[in-house]
PDB file of all heavy atoms in Angstrom:
ATOM      1  N   PRO A   1       9.056   5.757   8.211  1.00  0.00           N
ATOM      2  CA  PRO A   1       8.942   5.381   9.563  1.00  0.00           C
ATOM      3  C   PRO A   1       7.919   6.111  10.423  1.00  0.00           C
ATOM      4  O   PRO A   1       7.416   5.612  11.362  1.00  0.00           O
ATOM      5  CB  PRO A   1      10.414   5.677  10.076  1.00  0.00           C
ATOM      6  CG  PRO A   1      11.260   5.455   8.845  1.00  0.00           C
ATOM      7  CD  PRO A   1      10.341   6.032   7.711  1.00  0.00           C
ATOM      8  N   HIS A   2       7.594   7.350  10.092  1.00  0.00           N
ATOM      9  CA  HIS A   2       6.728   8.126  10.909  1.00  0.00           C
ATOM     10  C   HIS A   2       5.220   7.582  10.711  1.00  0.00           C
ATOM     11  O   HIS A   2       4.370   8.035  11.371  1.00  0.00           O
ATOM     12  CB  HIS A   2       6.749   9.663  10.688  1.00  0.00           C
ATOM     13  CG  HIS A   2       6.485  10.046   9.246  1.00  0.00           C
ATOM     14  ND1 HIS A   2       7.428   9.790   8.288  1.00  0.00           N
ATOM     15  CD2 HIS A   2       5.561  10.899   8.680  1.00  0.00           C
ATOM     16  CE1 HIS A   2       6.920  10.262   7.136  1.00  0.00           C
ATOM     17  NE2 HIS A   2       5.855  10.901   7.403  1.00  0.00           N
ATOM     18  N   PHE A   3       5.066   6.729   9.728  1.00  0.00           N
ATOM     19  CA  PHE A   3       3.728   6.051   9.616  1.00  0.00           C
ATOM     20  C   PHE A   3       3.746   4.739  10.276  1.00  0.00           C
ATOM     21  O   PHE A   3       2.773   3.931  10.044  1.00  0.00           O
ATOM     22  CB  PHE A   3       3.354   5.956   8.246  1.00  0.00           C
ATOM     23  CG  PHE A   3       2.854   7.216   7.515  1.00  0.00           C
ATOM     24  CD1 PHE A   3       3.810   8.107   6.803  1.00  0.00           C
ATOM     25  CD2 PHE A   3       1.557   7.675   7.744  1.00  0.00           C
ATOM     26  CE1 PHE A   3       3.404   9.236   6.223  1.00  0.00           C
ATOM     27  CE2 PHE A   3       1.132   8.897   7.199  1.00  0.00           C
ATOM     28  CZ  PHE A   3       2.068   9.678   6.555  1.00  0.00           C
ATOM     29  N   ASP A   4       4.749   4.348  11.082  1.00  0.00           N
ATOM     30  CA  ASP A   4       4.659   3.003  11.780  1.00  0.00           C
ATOM     31  C   ASP A   4       3.416   2.759  12.455  1.00  0.00           C
ATOM     32  O   ASP A   4       2.732   3.682  13.253  1.00  0.00           O
ATOM     33  CB  ASP A   4       5.845   2.877  12.812  1.00  0.00           C
ATOM     34  CG  ASP A   4       7.167   2.485  12.214  1.00  0.00           C
ATOM     35  OD1 ASP A   4       7.068   2.156  10.906  1.00  0.00           O
ATOM     36  OD2 ASP A   4       8.054   2.307  12.955  1.00  0.00           O
ATOM     37  N   GLY A   5       2.904   1.567  12.364  1.00  0.00           N
ATOM     38  CA  GLY A   5       1.541   1.207  12.688  1.00  0.00           C
ATOM     39  C   GLY A   5       0.511   1.181  11.598  1.00  0.00           C
ATOM     40  O   GLY A   5      -0.428   0.392  11.632  1.00  0.00           O
ATOM     41  N   ALA A   6       0.800   2.071  10.575  1.00  0.00           N
ATOM     42  CA  ALA A   6       0.072   2.066   9.339  1.00  0.00           C
ATOM     43  C   ALA A   6       0.986   2.151   8.110  1.00  0.00           C
ATOM     44  O   ALA A   6       0.626   2.739   7.062  1.00  0.00           O
ATOM     45  CB  ALA A   6      -1.056   3.125   9.341  1.00  0.00           C
ATOM     46  N   GLU A   7       2.175   1.655   8.365  1.00  0.00           N
ATOM     47  CA  GLU A   7       3.179   1.845   7.247  1.00  0.00           C
ATOM     48  C   GLU A   7       2.843   1.095   6.031  1.00  0.00           C
ATOM     49  O   GLU A   7       3.189   1.550   4.930  1.00  0.00           O
ATOM     50  CB  GLU A   7       4.600   1.252   7.799  1.00  0.00           C
ATOM     51  CG  GLU A   7       4.743  -0.231   7.906  1.00  0.00           C
ATOM     52  CD  GLU A   7       3.973  -0.802   9.107  1.00  0.00           C
ATOM     53  OE1 GLU A   7       3.675  -0.038  10.045  1.00  0.00           O
ATOM     54  OE2 GLU A   7       3.724  -2.088   8.987  1.00  0.00           O
ATOM     55  N   ASP A   8       2.133   0.002   6.231  1.00  0.00           N
ATOM     56  CA  ASP A   8       1.583  -0.767   5.043  1.00  0.00           C
ATOM     57  C   ASP A   8       0.610  -0.005   4.251  1.00  0.00           C
ATOM     58  O   ASP A   8       0.614   0.147   3.020  1.00  0.00           O
ATOM     59  CB  ASP A   8       1.072  -2.135   5.448  1.00  0.00           C
ATOM     60  CG  ASP A   8       0.016  -2.058   6.463  1.00  0.00           C
ATOM     61  OD1 ASP A   8      -0.111  -1.059   7.186  1.00  0.00           O
ATOM     62  OD2 ASP A   8      -0.663  -3.049   6.664  1.00  0.00           O
ATOM     63  N   TYR A   9      -0.340   0.657   4.929  1.00  0.00           N
ATOM     64  CA  TYR A   9      -1.463   1.423   4.319  1.00  0.00           C
ATOM     65  C   TYR A   9      -0.913   2.601   3.593  1.00  0.00           C
ATOM     66  O   TYR A   9      -1.284   3.018   2.474  1.00  0.00           O
ATOM     67  CB  TYR A   9      -2.465   1.904   5.417  1.00  0.00           C
ATOM     68  CG  TYR A   9      -3.678   2.572   4.948  1.00  0.00           C
ATOM     69  CD1 TYR A   9      -4.284   2.149   3.816  1.00  0.00           C
ATOM     70  CD2 TYR A   9      -4.289   3.555   5.695  1.00  0.00           C
ATOM     71  CE1 TYR A   9      -5.447   2.763   3.318  1.00  0.00           C
ATOM     72  CE2 TYR A   9      -5.488   4.137   5.303  1.00  0.00           C
ATOM     73  CZ  TYR A   9      -6.136   3.712   4.085  1.00  0.00           C
ATOM     74  OH  TYR A   9      -7.222   4.357   3.623  1.00  0.00           O
ATOM     75  N   ASP A  10       0.095   3.346   4.248  1.00  0.00           N
ATOM     76  CA  ASP A  10       0.725   4.476   3.544  1.00  0.00           C
ATOM     77  C   ASP A  10       1.397   4.039   2.250  1.00  0.00           C
ATOM     78  O   ASP A  10       1.415   4.648   1.270  1.00  0.00           O
ATOM     79  CB  ASP A  10       1.776   5.067   4.543  1.00  0.00           C
ATOM     80  CG  ASP A  10       2.652   6.191   3.790  1.00  0.00           C
ATOM     81  OD1 ASP A  10       1.979   7.152   3.492  1.00  0.00           O
ATOM     82  OD2 ASP A  10       3.831   5.995   3.851  1.00  0.00           O
ATOM     83  N   LEU A  11       2.076   2.833   2.328  1.00  0.00           N
ATOM     84  CA  LEU A  11       2.766   2.262   1.171  1.00  0.00           C
ATOM     85  C   LEU A  11       1.775   1.993   0.023  1.00  0.00           C
ATOM     86  O   LEU A  11       1.931   2.431  -1.183  1.00  0.00           O
ATOM     87  CB  LEU A  11       3.563   1.024   1.451  1.00  0.00           C
ATOM     88  CG  LEU A  11       4.307   0.424   0.343  1.00  0.00           C
ATOM     89  CD1 LEU A  11       5.502   1.236  -0.093  1.00  0.00           C
ATOM     90  CD2 LEU A  11       4.786  -0.973   0.684  1.00  0.00           C
ATOM     91  N   TYR A  12       0.661   1.357   0.344  1.00  0.00           N
ATOM     92  CA  TYR A  12      -0.297   0.996  -0.695  1.00  0.00           C
ATOM     93  C   TYR A  12      -0.931   2.234  -1.348  1.00  0.00           C
ATOM     94  O   TYR A  12      -1.006   2.383  -2.627  1.00  0.00           O
ATOM     95  CB  TYR A  12      -1.559   0.312  -0.093  1.00  0.00           C
ATOM     96  CG  TYR A  12      -1.162  -0.894   0.725  1.00  0.00           C
ATOM     97  CD1 TYR A  12      -2.033  -1.416   1.710  1.00  0.00           C
ATOM     98  CD2 TYR A  12      -0.078  -1.671   0.468  1.00  0.00           C
ATOM     99  CE1 TYR A  12      -1.758  -2.529   2.507  1.00  0.00           C
ATOM    100  CE2 TYR A  12       0.321  -2.732   1.151  1.00  0.00           C
ATOM    101  CZ  TYR A  12      -0.557  -3.204   2.256  1.00  0.00           C
ATOM    102  OH  TYR A  12      -0.211  -4.318   2.980  1.00  0.00           O
ATOM    103  N   LEU A  13      -1.149   3.328  -0.561  1.00  0.00           N
ATOM    104  CA  LEU A  13      -1.755   4.604  -1.121  1.00  0.00           C
ATOM    105  C   LEU A  13      -0.780   5.196  -1.998  1.00  0.00           C
ATOM    106  O   LEU A  13      -1.069   5.858  -3.054  1.00  0.00           O
ATOM    107  CB  LEU A  13      -2.138   5.476   0.015  1.00  0.00           C
ATOM    108  CG  LEU A  13      -3.414   4.955   0.762  1.00  0.00           C
ATOM    109  CD1 LEU A  13      -3.564   5.854   2.098  1.00  0.00           C
ATOM    110  CD2 LEU A  13      -4.600   5.200  -0.056  1.00  0.00           C
ATOM    111  N   ARG A  14       0.572   5.243  -1.647  1.00  0.00           N
ATOM    112  CA  ARG A  14       1.469   5.791  -2.562  1.00  0.00           C
ATOM    113  C   ARG A  14       1.839   4.990  -3.759  1.00  0.00           C
ATOM    114  O   ARG A  14       2.024   5.494  -4.895  1.00  0.00           O
ATOM    115  CB  ARG A  14       2.915   5.996  -1.757  1.00  0.00           C
ATOM    116  CG  ARG A  14       2.851   7.103  -0.698  1.00  0.00           C
ATOM    117  CD  ARG A  14       4.182   7.322  -0.027  1.00  0.00           C
ATOM    118  NE  ARG A  14       4.555   6.187   0.831  1.00  0.00           N
ATOM    119  CZ  ARG A  14       5.711   5.681   0.848  1.00  0.00           C
ATOM    120  NH1 ARG A  14       6.702   6.004   0.096  1.00  0.00           N
ATOM    121  NH2 ARG A  14       6.000   4.669   1.674  1.00  0.00           N
ATOM    122  N   LEU A  15       1.734   3.667  -3.675  1.00  0.00           N
ATOM    123  CA  LEU A  15       1.840   2.807  -4.871  1.00  0.00           C
ATOM    124  C   LEU A  15       0.768   3.051  -5.841  1.00  0.00           C
ATOM    125  O   LEU A  15       0.985   2.740  -7.111  1.00  0.00           O
ATOM    126  CB  LEU A  15       1.969   1.322  -4.378  1.00  0.00           C
ATOM    127  CG  LEU A  15       3.232   0.711  -4.075  1.00  0.00           C
ATOM    128  CD1 LEU A  15       3.160  -0.629  -3.574  1.00  0.00           C
ATOM    129  CD2 LEU A  15       4.244   0.910  -5.287  1.00  0.00           C
ATOM    130  N   LEU A  16      -0.429   3.384  -5.374  1.00  0.00           N
ATOM    131  CA  LEU A  16      -1.570   3.661  -6.316  1.00  0.00           C
ATOM    132  C   LEU A  16      -1.240   4.743  -7.302  1.00  0.00           C
ATOM    133  O   LEU A  16      -1.824   4.817  -8.411  1.00  0.00           O
ATOM    134  CB  LEU A  16      -2.785   4.015  -5.502  1.00  0.00           C
ATOM    135  CG  LEU A  16      -3.588   2.917  -4.813  1.00  0.00           C
ATOM    136  CD1 LEU A  16      -4.762   3.518  -3.994  1.00  0.00           C
ATOM    137  CD2 LEU A  16      -4.049   1.861  -5.844  1.00  0.00           C
ATOM    138  N   GLU A  17      -0.257   5.637  -6.904  1.00  0.00           N
ATOM    139  CA  GLU A  17       0.123   6.699  -7.868  1.00  0.00           C
ATOM    140  C   GLU A  17       1.243   6.181  -8.779  1.00  0.00           C
ATOM    141  O   GLU A  17       1.543   6.997  -9.814  1.00  0.00           O
ATOM    142  CB  GLU A  17       0.704   7.893  -6.971  1.00  0.00           C
ATOM    143  CG  GLU A  17      -0.286   8.406  -5.925  1.00  0.00           C
ATOM    144  CD  GLU A  17       0.374   9.204  -4.787  1.00  0.00           C
ATOM    145  OE1 GLU A  17       1.428   9.774  -5.070  1.00  0.00           O
ATOM    146  OE2 GLU A  17      -0.204   9.233  -3.787  1.00  0.00           O
ATOM    147  N   TYR A  18       1.681   5.034  -8.605  1.00  0.00           N
ATOM    148  CA  TYR A  18       2.769   4.492  -9.403  1.00  0.00           C
ATOM    149  C   TYR A  18       2.236   3.387 -10.404  1.00  0.00           C
ATOM    150  O   TYR A  18       2.824   3.161 -11.516  1.00  0.00           O
ATOM    151  CB  TYR A  18       3.791   3.839  -8.496  1.00  0.00           C
ATOM    152  CG  TYR A  18       5.123   3.570  -9.161  1.00  0.00           C
ATOM    153  CD1 TYR A  18       6.092   4.579  -9.082  1.00  0.00           C
ATOM    154  CD2 TYR A  18       5.478   2.446  -9.747  1.00  0.00           C
ATOM    155  CE1 TYR A  18       7.312   4.365  -9.673  1.00  0.00           C
ATOM    156  CE2 TYR A  18       6.648   2.233 -10.329  1.00  0.00           C
ATOM    157  CZ  TYR A  18       7.656   3.187 -10.285  1.00  0.00           C
ATOM    158  OH  TYR A  18       8.901   2.955 -10.894  1.00  0.00           O
ATOM    159  N   GLY A  19       1.248   2.632 -10.009  1.00  0.00           N
ATOM    160  CA  GLY A  19       0.501   1.677 -10.847  1.00  0.00           C
ATOM    161  C   GLY A  19      -0.630   0.993 -10.128  1.00  0.00           C
ATOM    162  O   GLY A  19      -1.105   1.461  -9.158  1.00  0.00           O
ATOM    163  N   LYS A  20      -0.957  -0.192 -10.614  1.00  0.00           N
ATOM    164  CA  LYS A  20      -2.071  -0.948 -10.109  1.00  0.00           C
ATOM    165  C   LYS A  20      -1.741  -1.870  -8.970  1.00  0.00           C
ATOM    166  O   LYS A  20      -0.613  -2.312  -8.816  1.00  0.00           O
ATOM    167  CB  LYS A  20      -2.803  -1.672 -11.242  1.00  0.00           C
ATOM    168  CG  LYS A  20      -3.419  -0.794 -12.275  1.00  0.00           C
ATOM    169  CD  LYS A  20      -4.073  -1.745 -13.395  1.00  0.00           C
ATOM    170  CE  LYS A  20      -4.719  -0.880 -14.461  1.00  0.00           C
ATOM    171  NZ  LYS A  20      -5.340  -1.770 -15.516  1.00  0.00           N
ATOM    172  N   ILE A  21      -2.736  -2.197  -8.139  1.00  0.00           N
ATOM    173  CA  ILE A  21      -2.641  -3.114  -7.026  1.00  0.00           C
ATOM    174  C   ILE A  21      -3.664  -4.184  -7.234  1.00  0.00           C
ATOM    175  O   ILE A  21      -4.821  -3.803  -7.513  1.00  0.00           O
ATOM    176  CB  ILE A  21      -2.684  -2.449  -5.579  1.00  0.00           C
ATOM    177  CG1 ILE A  21      -1.524  -1.520  -5.504  1.00  0.00           C
ATOM    178  CG2 ILE A  21      -2.760  -3.461  -4.543  1.00  0.00           C
ATOM    179  CD1 ILE A  21      -1.620  -0.773  -4.128  1.00  0.00           C
ATOM    180  N   GLY A  22      -3.377  -5.433  -7.125  1.00  0.00           N
ATOM    181  CA  GLY A  22      -4.291  -6.470  -7.231  1.00  0.00           C
ATOM    182  C   GLY A  22      -4.193  -7.446  -6.041  1.00  0.00           C
ATOM    183  O   GLY A  22      -3.374  -7.246  -5.143  1.00  0.00           O
ATOM    184  N   ALA A  23      -5.015  -8.497  -6.045  1.00  0.00           N
ATOM    185  CA  ALA A  23      -5.036  -9.491  -5.020  1.00  0.00           C
ATOM    186  C   ALA A  23      -5.585 -10.851  -5.621  1.00  0.00           C
ATOM    187  O   ALA A  23      -6.250 -10.876  -6.579  1.00  0.00           O
ATOM    188  CB  ALA A  23      -5.837  -9.112  -3.861  1.00  0.00           C
ATOM    189  N   LEU A  24      -5.185 -11.858  -4.960  1.00  0.00           N
ATOM    190  CA  LEU A  24      -5.573 -13.234  -5.401  1.00  0.00           C
ATOM    191  C   LEU A  24      -6.885 -13.778  -4.477  1.00  0.00           C
ATOM    192  O   LEU A  24      -6.838 -13.459  -3.280  1.00  0.00           O
ATOM    193  CB  LEU A  24      -4.379 -14.293  -5.163  1.00  0.00           C
ATOM    194  CG  LEU A  24      -3.418 -14.195  -6.281  1.00  0.00           C
ATOM    195  CD1 LEU A  24      -2.115 -14.968  -5.944  1.00  0.00           C
ATOM    196  CD2 LEU A  24      -3.939 -14.842  -7.583  1.00  0.00           C
ATOM    197  N   ASN A  25      -7.712 -14.430  -5.078  1.00  0.00           N
ATOM    198  CA  ASN A  25      -8.893 -14.954  -4.390  1.00  0.00           C
ATOM    199  C   ASN A  25      -8.474 -16.223  -3.764  1.00  0.00           C
ATOM    200  O   ASN A  25      -9.171 -17.215  -3.963  1.00  0.00           O
ATOM    201  CB  ASN A  25     -10.047 -15.122  -5.344  1.00  0.00           C
ATOM    202  CG  ASN A  25     -11.331 -15.445  -4.641  1.00  0.00           C
ATOM    203  OD1 ASN A  25     -11.488 -15.325  -3.611  1.00  0.00           O
ATOM    204  ND2 ASN A  25     -12.082 -16.176  -5.377  1.00  0.00           N
ATOM    205  N   GLU A  26      -7.476 -16.359  -2.987  1.00  0.00           N
ATOM    206  CA  GLU A  26      -7.038 -17.589  -2.362  1.00  0.00           C
ATOM    207  C   GLU A  26      -6.410 -17.118  -0.964  1.00  0.00           C
ATOM    208  O   GLU A  26      -5.738 -16.165  -0.812  1.00  0.00           O
ATOM    209  CB  GLU A  26      -5.864 -18.216  -3.151  1.00  0.00           C
ATOM    210  CG  GLU A  26      -6.349 -18.754  -4.527  1.00  0.00           C
ATOM    211  CD  GLU A  26      -5.118 -19.492  -5.228  1.00  0.00           C
ATOM    212  OE1 GLU A  26      -4.823 -20.644  -4.828  1.00  0.00           O
ATOM    213  OE2 GLU A  26      -4.490 -18.868  -6.196  1.00  0.00           O
TER     214      GLU A  26
END
């Protein structure tokens, strides 16, 4: 919660330590 406003960015950066992140070209 203390990262509200950038809570998604904080989550992505922490998930990078857990595994890979990908995206679809659509």
